[in-house]
Amino acid sequence: MDNAAMVLGVIGGVVGMVVGFFGYGFGELWAWFSAMLSDVSPAAAARVAPEDDPIVTKLISLFAPIAGIAGGAMVHSQKILGAALLGGSAVGMFHGFGFGVFTMFPIAMCGLAALFALLARGDR
């Protein structure tokens, strides 16, 4: 079961990296666009400001997939810490990107890997 957790975690983290590239790019684009719009019209920039902070989106884009890969890689030696990293990765991707067509697989893979890591027996 820990092999399944490792494979699901690493694959979920890699797929999450692809989603993270687009999330980070969106954060950069939004920062550039809001700076350009605030130069033209500060009132218009205030009206179209997103509810999410682009810095938080960029940080989640960076750290959630890394946590999934690292959690999957350490499931064999540290099951609880690996499960915590995998669960944190799934929760972070859900919080940062929501549950949609491109995020359902990395969220589900990391969440299932966390469950498998918790249910894996300690002895071999």
Protein backbone atom coordinates (compact mmCIF):
# COMPACT_ATOMS: atom_id res chain seq x y z
CA MET A 1 0.00 0.00 0.00
CA ASP A 2 2.91 2.33 0.57
CA ASN A 3 4.06 1.68 -3.02
CA ALA A 4 0.67 2.85 -4.25
CA ALA A 5 0.92 5.92 -2.04
CA MET A 6 4.37 6.69 -3.40
CA VAL A 7 3.33 6.34 -7.05
CA LEU A 8 0.09 8.29 -6.62
CA GLY A 9 1.86 11.04 -4.69
CA VAL A 10 4.65 11.50 -7.18
CA ILE A 11 2.32 11.42 -10.20
CA GLY A 12 -0.14 13.76 -8.46
CA GLY A 13 2.70 16.15 -7.66
CA VAL A 14 3.98 16.12 -11.25
CA VAL A 15 0.50 16.76 -12.65
CA GLY A 16 0.09 19.44 -9.97
CA MET A 17 3.28 21.05 -11.26
CA VAL A 18 1.65 21.53 -14.65
CA VAL A 19 -1.33 23.18 -12.98
CA GLY A 20 1.09 25.18 -10.84
CA PHE A 21 2.90 26.54 -13.90
CA PHE A 22 -0.38 27.99 -15.15
CA GLY A 23 -1.30 29.26 -11.67
CA TYR A 24 2.03 31.02 -11.31
CA GLY A 25 1.73 32.44 -14.81
CA PHE A 26 -1.76 33.72 -14.01
CA GLY A 27 -0.41 35.42 -10.87
CA GLU A 28 2.34 37.11 -12.87
CA LEU A 29 -0.09 38.15 -15.60
CA TRP A 30 -2.52 39.55 -13.06
CA ALA A 31 0.23 41.52 -11.30
CA TRP A 32 1.35 42.98 -14.63
CA PHE A 33 -2.20 43.73 -15.74
CA SER A 34 -3.23 45.37 -12.46
CA ALA A 35 -0.09 47.54 -12.46
CA MET A 36 -0.79 48.61 -16.01
CA LEU A 37 -4.46 49.26 -15.26
CA SER A 38 -3.69 51.23 -12.10
CA ASP A 39 -1.47 53.54 -14.14
CA VAL A 40 -4.37 54.26 -16.49
CA SER A 41 -7.26 54.35 -14.03
CA PRO A 42 -6.89 53.55 -10.30
CA ALA A 43 -10.67 53.38 -9.89
CA ALA A 44 -10.97 50.74 -12.61
CA ALA A 45 -8.12 48.74 -11.08
CA ALA A 46 -9.92 48.71 -7.74
CA ARG A 47 -13.15 47.47 -9.36
CA VAL A 48 -11.61 44.48 -11.14
CA ALA A 49 -9.25 43.36 -8.37
CA PRO A 50 -9.54 39.60 -7.75
CA GLU A 51 -10.59 38.29 -4.38
CA ASP A 52 -7.54 36.03 -4.27
CA ASP A 53 -4.12 37.45 -3.60
CA PRO A 54 -1.80 36.69 -6.54
CA ILE A 55 1.12 36.14 -4.15
CA VAL A 56 -0.79 33.40 -2.33
CA THR A 57 -1.67 31.77 -5.66
CA LYS A 58 1.96 31.88 -6.73
CA LEU A 59 3.15 30.40 -3.41
CA ILE A 60 0.59 27.59 -3.58
CA SER A 61 1.61 26.99 -7.22
CA LEU A 62 5.17 26.47 -6.05
CA PHE A 63 4.84 24.59 -2.77
CA ALA A 64 1.77 22.33 -3.16
CA PRO A 65 3.23 20.17 -5.97
CA ILE A 66 6.60 20.00 -4.24
CA ALA A 67 4.87 18.80 -1.07
CA GLY A 68 3.09 16.09 -3.09
CA ILE A 69 6.31 14.85 -4.66
CA ALA A 70 8.25 14.98 -1.39
CA GLY A 71 5.42 13.30 0.53
CA GLY A 72 5.20 10.52 -2.03
CA ALA A 73 8.95 10.02 -1.96
CA MET A 74 9.13 9.71 1.83
CA VAL A 75 6.17 7.38 2.38
CA HIS A 76 8.46 4.35 2.69
CA SER A 77 10.54 5.80 5.51
CA GLN A 78 8.23 8.30 7.26
CA LYS A 79 4.60 7.33 6.71
CA ILE A 80 2.96 9.95 8.93
CA LEU A 81 5.06 12.86 7.66
CA GLY A 82 4.58 11.69 4.08
CA ALA A 83 0.82 11.46 4.62
CA ALA A 84 0.80 14.95 6.13
CA LEU A 85 2.68 16.39 3.16
CA LEU A 86 0.41 14.59 0.70
CA GLY A 87 -2.71 15.77 2.49
CA GLY A 88 -1.34 19.30 2.70
CA SER A 89 -0.63 19.19 -1.01
CA ALA A 90 -4.19 18.13 -1.81
CA VAL A 91 -5.68 20.77 0.49
CA GLY A 92 -3.34 23.45 -0.85
CA MET A 93 -4.21 22.70 -4.47
CA PHE A 94 -7.91 22.68 -3.61
CA HIS A 95 -7.63 26.00 -1.79
CA GLY A 96 -5.43 27.64 -4.39
CA PHE A 97 -7.03 26.42 -7.60
CA GLY A 98 -10.41 25.00 -6.67
CA PHE A 99 -11.80 21.70 -7.88
CA GLY A 100 -12.09 21.73 -11.65
CA VAL A 101 -11.37 19.72 -14.74
CA PHE A 102 -7.59 20.27 -14.57
CA THR A 103 -7.19 20.01 -10.81
CA MET A 104 -9.36 17.01 -10.00
CA PHE A 105 -6.67 14.46 -10.81
CA PRO A 106 -3.78 15.91 -8.77
CA ILE A 107 -6.09 16.65 -5.83
CA ALA A 108 -7.61 13.17 -5.90
CA MET A 109 -4.24 11.46 -6.39
CA CYS A 110 -2.55 13.30 -3.52
CA GLY A 111 -5.57 12.84 -1.26
CA LEU A 112 -5.81 9.12 -1.98
CA ALA A 113 -2.06 8.77 -1.53
CA ALA A 114 -2.35 10.42 1.89
CA LEU A 115 -5.09 7.97 2.84
CA PHE A 116 -3.03 5.02 1.60
CA ALA A 117 0.01 6.26 3.54
CA LEU A 118 -2.03 6.46 6.73
CA LEU A 119 -3.51 3.01 6.21
CA ALA A 120 -0.22 1.34 5.30
CA ARG A 121 1.08 -1.11 7.85
CA GLY A 122 4.34 -0.24 9.58
CA ASP A 123 5.92 -3.67 9.21
CA ARG A 124 7.00 -5.13 5.91
